[in-house]
Amino acid sequence: MFFEGSEKKAQIVVKDKKISLLDDITDDFWTAFVQCCNAQILSSIRNDDCKAFLLSESSLFVWHDRLLILTCGNTRLVHSVEFFIQHIGMDKIKQVIYQRKNEYFSHAQPSSFGDDIKLLGQYVMGKAYRFGELDSHHNYIFHQDNSFQADKLDKTYELLAYQISDRASEKLTTVGLTAQEIRQFLQLDKFFADFTLDDFVFDPFGYSVNAIKGKEYLTIHVTPQANSSYVSIESNINLIKIAADFLAILAPKSFDLLSFNDFDFANLTDEFIPKNYVSKSLVSEHLSNNYFVCFANYILPQKKFMQATVLDLAGENHAL
C-alpha cells in the first residue's frame, strides 16, 4: 500500500490591524478553506494565541496575524491559498509563501510546483527557488516579492525523515496501535509535556499530532509503510537541538533539515547531528522577504547490499 506523505505548505501573513485570523474568522470559513484542497477538519485545539486544526491530510495552524497549512497526499493546496486570497483580499495580506518538496511519485500528483506558482502568479508577484539537487531531495519555495520584511526572531524548523528503520516501521504499522502508544514511542512527553496535544491514528496506518503552547507549535505526520515511509516534524521550537532523539527513534536512511531564520544553522548541525550521518547537500539563501533559509540533506551510508524490490505487475503500482 502506498501513500504520498510528502507535504505542500503555505504560510500567509496578514495585516493584523485590519484583521485577526483567530478572532474574526469563523470555523465555517476554515472548513471551506481546507475543502478547497480536498481535505477535511478532524478536530481542533485552541489557546489564546493559536488554534490548531488536525486535518485528514496534515494540519492547519491559525494565529492572529498568520496561518500555516500543510497538506499531503494528492491535495492541491494552491486552491486553498487562492480561496483565501479571493475571500480575504490582497489589501489585508502582507506576505504569501508557498512551499513544496519532492514527492516519491510526482507523476501521480494533480499538479507540479510550476503549475501551482503559475496560478499564484495571477494574484501575487513573487520569486521562486529550489533548495537541493534536482536528482535528490529538494524543496521548492515561492514567496511574494514586496516590501514585507520578516522579523529575524521568526524562526521555523523542519525535520523530514525517509525510509525509517524496519523496527520503527513495524512498530508504527502494528494493528490496533493507539495514539498513546505512538506518543510513548516517539517520546513526545520528553520535550512537549507542557503542550496541549491533539492526535489521530489513521486506518489502516498513519499518525498525525498537533501540539501548541502559547504561540509555539509542533506538528508530526507519520507515513510508516515500509515501501514509502516518511515522517515530517515541523515546529518553531529548535528541532536541530533535539534531532538526535528523533533520529535514534526512527533511524531513517536519510533526512532533510530546513530552517527559516536560524543564523547559527551550520554550528548547530555540527554540534547536534549524529556523526554517522553524512551531509550530501547544503544550501542557504537570504530571501528578499528577510527570511534566511538553510537546507541540508543527510544520508546514512549503507554498508550492506540490499535485495532488489520485486514489483507487482498485475496490481496497482505507482512506481511503474
Protein backbone atom coordinates (compact mmCIF):
# COMPACT_ATOMS: atom_id res chain seq x y z
CA MET A 1 0.00 0.00 0.00
CA PHE A 2 1.29 3.45 -0.95
CA PHE A 3 0.54 6.92 0.43
CA GLU A 4 2.32 10.12 -0.56
CA GLY A 5 3.40 11.60 2.75
CA SER A 6 5.41 14.46 1.24
CA GLU A 7 3.75 17.75 2.06
CA LYS A 8 2.91 21.02 0.42
CA LYS A 9 2.99 24.04 2.72
CA ALA A 10 1.68 27.60 2.70
CA GLN A 11 2.12 30.47 5.10
CA ILE A 12 0.13 33.69 4.79
CA VAL A 13 0.87 36.73 6.96
CA VAL A 14 -1.90 39.31 7.29
CA LYS A 15 -2.11 42.93 8.40
CA ASP A 16 -3.20 42.38 12.00
CA LYS A 17 -4.52 45.95 12.33
CA LYS A 18 -7.07 45.10 9.65
CA ILE A 19 -7.99 41.53 10.62
CA SER A 20 -7.41 38.89 13.28
CA LEU A 21 -7.49 35.42 11.79
CA LEU A 22 -8.06 33.98 15.24
CA ASP A 23 -10.94 36.22 16.30
CA ASP A 24 -12.58 37.48 13.10
CA ILE A 25 -12.77 34.27 11.05
CA THR A 26 -15.31 31.54 11.80
CA ASP A 27 -14.69 27.80 11.71
CA ASP A 28 -17.07 27.61 8.74
CA PHE A 29 -14.53 29.62 6.74
CA TRP A 30 -11.70 27.28 7.72
CA THR A 31 -13.84 24.27 6.82
CA ALA A 32 -14.40 25.67 3.33
CA PHE A 33 -10.74 26.71 3.13
CA VAL A 34 -9.40 23.19 3.65
CA GLN A 35 -12.10 21.61 1.50
CA CYS A 36 -10.71 23.57 -1.45
CA CYS A 37 -7.70 21.25 -1.48
CA ASN A 38 -9.78 18.11 -0.80
CA ALA A 39 -9.06 17.86 2.93
CA GLN A 40 -11.35 17.84 5.95
CA ILE A 41 -11.03 19.06 9.54
CA LEU A 42 -10.93 16.15 12.01
CA SER A 43 -10.55 18.08 15.29
CA SER A 44 -9.08 21.24 16.78
CA ILE A 45 -7.46 22.69 19.90
CA ARG A 46 -7.05 26.33 20.91
CA ASN A 47 -5.37 28.68 23.34
CA ASP A 48 -5.28 32.49 23.45
CA ASP A 49 -2.59 32.70 20.77
CA CYS A 50 -3.19 29.83 18.37
CA LYS A 51 -5.79 27.43 17.03
CA ALA A 52 -4.61 24.13 15.56
CA PHE A 53 -6.77 22.05 13.23
CA LEU A 54 -5.91 18.40 12.63
CA LEU A 55 -6.77 17.56 9.02
CA SER A 56 -7.44 14.41 7.08
CA GLU A 57 -4.35 15.49 5.12
CA SER A 58 -1.98 17.07 7.71
CA SER A 59 -2.55 20.33 9.66
CA LEU A 60 -3.68 23.95 9.77
CA PHE A 61 -2.46 26.45 12.38
CA VAL A 62 -4.02 29.87 12.81
CA TRP A 63 -2.61 32.80 14.81
CA HIS A 64 -3.89 36.37 14.98
CA ASP A 65 -1.55 37.56 12.22
CA ARG A 66 -0.87 34.46 10.12
CA LEU A 67 -1.79 30.95 9.10
CA LEU A 68 0.26 27.88 8.32
CA ILE A 69 -1.18 24.92 6.46
CA LEU A 70 0.44 21.64 5.44
CA THR A 71 -1.24 19.04 3.26
CA CYS A 72 -0.04 15.69 1.96
CA GLY A 73 -1.40 13.00 -0.35
CA ASN A 74 -2.85 14.19 -3.66
CA THR A 75 -4.13 17.51 -2.34
CA ARG A 76 -3.78 20.69 -4.38
CA LEU A 77 -3.04 23.17 -1.63
CA VAL A 78 -2.72 26.11 -4.00
CA HIS A 79 -6.51 26.08 -4.42
CA SER A 80 -6.90 26.81 -0.70
CA VAL A 81 -4.42 29.68 -0.99
CA GLU A 82 -6.42 31.04 -3.92
CA PHE A 83 -9.64 30.74 -1.87
CA PHE A 84 -8.08 32.71 0.99
CA ILE A 85 -6.83 35.48 -1.31
CA GLN A 86 -10.19 35.78 -3.05
CA HIS A 87 -12.20 35.96 0.19
CA ILE A 88 -9.87 37.96 2.45
CA GLY A 89 -8.36 40.23 -0.19
CA MET A 90 -4.79 41.15 -1.00
CA ASP A 91 -5.27 44.51 0.75
CA LYS A 92 -5.21 42.60 4.07
CA ILE A 93 -2.28 40.32 3.19
CA LYS A 94 1.37 41.12 3.93
CA GLN A 95 3.09 38.02 2.58
CA VAL A 96 2.35 34.74 0.82
CA ILE A 97 4.84 31.86 0.97
CA TYR A 98 4.24 28.58 -0.82
CA GLN A 99 6.49 25.57 -0.41
CA ARG A 100 6.62 22.11 -1.91
CA LYS A 101 9.11 19.28 -1.57
CA ASN A 102 9.96 16.44 -3.89
CA GLU A 103 7.45 13.59 -3.87
CA TYR A 104 8.03 9.85 -4.09
CA PHE A 105 5.79 9.67 -7.16
CA SER A 106 5.40 13.17 -8.52
CA HIS A 107 3.70 11.94 -11.69
CA ALA A 108 0.74 10.82 -9.57
CA GLN A 109 0.16 14.39 -8.34
CA PRO A 110 -2.59 16.54 -9.88
CA SER A 111 -0.17 19.43 -10.37
CA SER A 112 3.50 20.36 -10.29
CA PHE A 113 5.19 23.20 -8.40
CA GLY A 114 5.36 25.06 -11.70
CA ASP A 115 1.59 24.68 -12.18
CA ASP A 116 0.96 25.93 -8.64
CA ILE A 117 3.07 29.08 -8.83
CA LYS A 118 1.64 29.89 -12.25
CA LEU A 119 -1.76 30.04 -10.55
CA LEU A 120 -0.40 32.08 -7.64
CA GLY A 121 1.22 34.45 -10.12
CA GLN A 122 -2.26 35.62 -11.13
CA TYR A 123 -2.56 37.21 -7.67
CA VAL A 124 0.97 38.00 -6.43
CA MET A 125 4.32 38.81 -7.95
CA GLY A 126 6.95 36.55 -6.48
CA LYS A 127 10.27 34.78 -6.59
CA ALA A 128 10.90 31.03 -6.61
CA TYR A 129 13.86 28.92 -5.51
CA ARG A 130 14.90 25.29 -5.41
CA PHE A 131 16.87 24.17 -2.36
CA GLY A 132 18.73 20.91 -3.01
CA GLU A 133 19.69 18.95 -6.08
CA LEU A 134 17.06 18.13 -8.69
CA ASP A 135 18.04 14.44 -8.77
CA SER A 136 17.88 14.13 -4.98
CA HIS A 137 15.89 15.56 -2.09
CA HIS A 138 14.90 19.14 -2.74
CA ASN A 139 12.44 21.80 -1.63
CA TYR A 140 10.79 24.48 -3.73
CA ILE A 141 9.92 27.83 -2.15
CA PHE A 142 7.89 30.64 -3.70
CA HIS A 143 7.41 33.93 -1.87
CA GLN A 144 5.68 37.18 -2.61
CA ASP A 145 8.16 39.83 -3.68
CA ASN A 146 7.07 43.03 -1.96
CA SER A 147 8.15 45.31 0.90
CA PHE A 148 7.48 42.71 3.61
CA GLN A 149 10.44 42.04 5.91
CA ALA A 150 10.25 39.08 8.30
CA ASP A 151 11.33 39.52 11.90
CA LYS A 152 14.69 37.84 12.49
CA LEU A 153 13.15 36.09 15.51
CA ASP A 154 10.51 34.47 13.29
CA LYS A 155 12.09 31.01 13.15
CA THR A 156 10.77 27.65 11.99
CA TYR A 157 12.33 24.22 11.55
CA GLU A 158 11.50 21.12 9.53
CA LEU A 159 12.92 17.63 10.03
CA LEU A 160 11.91 15.24 7.25
CA ALA A 161 12.86 11.57 7.70
CA TYR A 162 12.82 9.00 4.88
CA GLN A 163 12.98 5.20 4.94
CA ILE A 164 12.68 4.75 8.67
CA SER A 165 14.10 1.57 10.19
CA ASP A 166 12.31 -1.78 9.97
CA ARG A 167 11.88 -1.65 13.74
CA ALA A 168 10.14 1.75 13.59
CA SER A 169 8.04 0.81 10.58
CA GLU A 170 6.89 -2.47 12.14
CA LYS A 171 6.01 -0.72 15.40
CA LEU A 172 4.04 2.03 13.68
CA THR A 173 2.15 -0.42 11.46
CA THR A 174 1.07 -2.62 14.38
CA VAL A 175 -2.64 -3.37 14.07
CA GLY A 176 -4.61 -1.71 16.87
CA LEU A 177 -1.82 0.66 17.91
CA THR A 178 -3.26 3.51 19.99
CA ALA A 179 -2.40 7.20 19.91
CA GLN A 180 -1.00 6.97 23.43
CA GLU A 181 1.31 4.12 22.41
CA ILE A 182 2.60 6.19 19.48
CA ARG A 183 3.15 9.19 21.75
CA GLN A 184 5.23 6.97 24.01
CA PHE A 185 7.19 5.51 21.10
CA LEU A 186 8.00 9.00 19.79
CA GLN A 187 8.78 10.16 23.35
CA LEU A 188 6.63 13.27 22.96
CA ASP A 189 6.32 13.72 26.72
CA LYS A 190 10.08 14.17 26.94
CA PHE A 191 10.09 17.52 25.15
CA PHE A 192 6.45 18.55 24.90
CA ALA A 193 4.95 17.58 28.27
CA ASP A 194 3.51 21.05 28.85
CA PHE A 195 1.94 21.32 25.38
CA THR A 196 -1.72 20.68 24.56
CA LEU A 197 -1.80 17.72 22.16
CA ASP A 198 -4.35 16.63 19.59
CA ASP A 199 -3.64 13.44 17.62
CA PHE A 200 -5.24 10.87 15.36
CA VAL A 201 -4.40 7.32 14.24
CA PHE A 202 -5.40 6.64 10.64
CA ASP A 203 -6.81 3.37 9.30
CA PRO A 204 -5.03 1.20 8.37
CA PHE A 205 -1.81 3.08 9.23
CA GLY A 206 -0.60 6.62 9.78
CA TYR A 207 -0.45 9.12 12.60
CA SER A 208 -0.76 12.88 12.98
CA VAL A 209 -0.33 15.11 16.03
CA ASN A 210 -0.63 18.84 16.63
CA ALA A 211 0.75 20.43 19.79
CA ILE A 212 0.53 24.05 20.95
CA LYS A 213 1.73 26.13 23.90
CA GLY A 214 1.19 29.86 23.62
CA LYS A 215 2.49 30.81 20.18
CA GLU A 216 4.69 27.71 19.97
CA TYR A 217 3.58 24.82 17.81
CA LEU A 218 4.63 21.34 16.78
CA THR A 219 3.20 19.05 14.15
CA ILE A 220 4.24 15.50 13.27
CA HIS A 221 2.92 13.35 10.45
CA VAL A 222 3.86 9.71 10.08
CA THR A 223 3.54 7.57 6.96
CA PRO A 224 5.01 4.29 8.27
CA GLN A 225 4.57 1.91 5.33
CA ALA A 226 7.90 0.27 4.61
CA ASN A 227 7.87 0.89 0.85
CA SER A 228 7.36 4.65 1.20
CA SER A 229 7.95 5.52 4.85
CA TYR A 230 8.19 9.19 5.68
CA VAL A 231 7.95 11.26 8.86
CA SER A 232 7.69 15.04 8.89
CA ILE A 233 8.26 17.13 12.00
CA GLU A 234 7.79 20.90 11.99
CA SER A 235 7.94 23.46 14.76
CA ASN A 236 9.01 26.95 15.76
CA ILE A 237 10.98 25.23 18.54
CA ASN A 238 14.59 24.46 17.61
CA LEU A 239 14.37 20.94 16.20
CA ILE A 240 18.08 20.77 15.44
CA LYS A 241 18.89 20.58 19.14
CA ILE A 242 16.59 17.55 19.62
CA ALA A 243 17.08 15.96 16.20
CA ALA A 244 19.34 13.23 17.60
CA ASP A 245 16.50 11.93 19.79
CA PHE A 246 14.10 11.60 16.86
CA LEU A 247 16.82 10.08 14.69
CA ALA A 248 17.55 7.47 17.37
CA ILE A 249 13.86 6.50 17.44
CA LEU A 250 13.23 6.47 13.69
CA ALA A 251 16.72 5.58 12.39
CA PRO A 252 15.97 6.83 8.86
CA LYS A 253 18.28 6.12 5.95
CA SER A 254 18.15 9.80 5.06
CA PHE A 255 16.64 13.03 6.32
CA ASP A 256 16.35 16.70 5.46
CA LEU A 257 16.66 19.73 7.71
CA LEU A 258 15.15 23.04 6.70
CA SER A 259 15.25 26.20 8.79
CA PHE A 260 13.95 29.73 8.44
CA ASN A 261 15.99 32.42 10.18
CA ASP A 262 18.36 30.26 12.19
CA PHE A 263 21.61 32.07 11.51
CA ASP A 264 23.57 29.51 13.54
CA PHE A 265 22.44 26.59 11.38
CA ALA A 266 25.95 25.38 10.46
CA ASN A 267 27.22 25.34 14.05
CA LEU A 268 24.06 23.72 15.40
CA THR A 269 24.07 20.90 12.85
CA ASP A 270 27.76 20.28 13.50
CA GLU A 271 27.07 20.01 17.23
CA PHE A 272 23.80 18.08 17.33
CA ILE A 273 23.54 15.89 14.21
CA PRO A 274 24.98 12.38 14.82
CA LYS A 275 28.27 11.82 13.05
CA ASN A 276 27.12 8.57 11.42
CA TYR A 277 25.01 10.70 9.06
CA VAL A 278 26.81 12.35 6.15
CA SER A 279 25.81 15.67 4.65
CA LYS A 280 25.02 15.31 0.97
CA SER A 281 23.57 18.73 0.21
CA LEU A 282 23.93 22.13 1.90
CA VAL A 283 22.10 25.18 0.56
CA SER A 284 21.39 28.61 2.04
CA GLU A 285 19.79 31.76 0.68
CA HIS A 286 18.80 35.11 2.14
CA LEU A 287 15.41 35.83 0.58
CA SER A 288 14.27 39.37 -0.19
CA ASN A 289 11.48 38.99 2.41
CA ASN A 290 14.23 38.77 5.07
CA TYR A 291 13.99 35.02 5.69
CA PHE A 292 17.36 33.29 5.81
CA VAL A 293 16.66 29.74 4.60
CA CYS A 294 19.01 26.79 5.13
CA PHE A 295 18.53 23.30 3.70
CA ALA A 296 20.61 20.20 4.39
CA ASN A 297 20.16 16.62 3.23
CA TYR A 298 21.84 13.84 5.22
CA ILE A 299 22.28 10.18 4.33
CA LEU A 300 23.24 7.14 6.34
CA PRO A 301 25.93 5.36 4.26
CA GLN A 302 24.93 1.77 3.58
CA LYS A 303 27.43 -0.99 4.34
CA LYS A 304 25.39 -3.95 3.13
CA PHE A 305 23.85 -4.78 -0.21
CA MET A 306 20.07 -4.98 -0.30
CA GLN A 307 17.95 -7.21 -2.49
CA ALA A 308 16.06 -5.75 -5.41
CA THR A 309 12.40 -4.90 -4.83
CA VAL A 310 10.00 -7.21 -6.63
CA LEU A 311 7.22 -5.27 -8.35
CA ASP A 312 3.62 -6.40 -8.64
CA LEU A 313 2.95 -6.23 -12.38
CA ALA A 314 -0.69 -7.23 -12.01
CA GLY A 315 -1.63 -4.79 -9.27
CA GLU A 316 -1.71 -1.02 -8.98
CA ASN A 317 1.91 0.07 -8.79
CA HIS A 318 2.67 3.78 -8.81
CA ALA A 319 6.36 3.11 -9.31
CA LEU A 320 5.66 1.80 -12.79
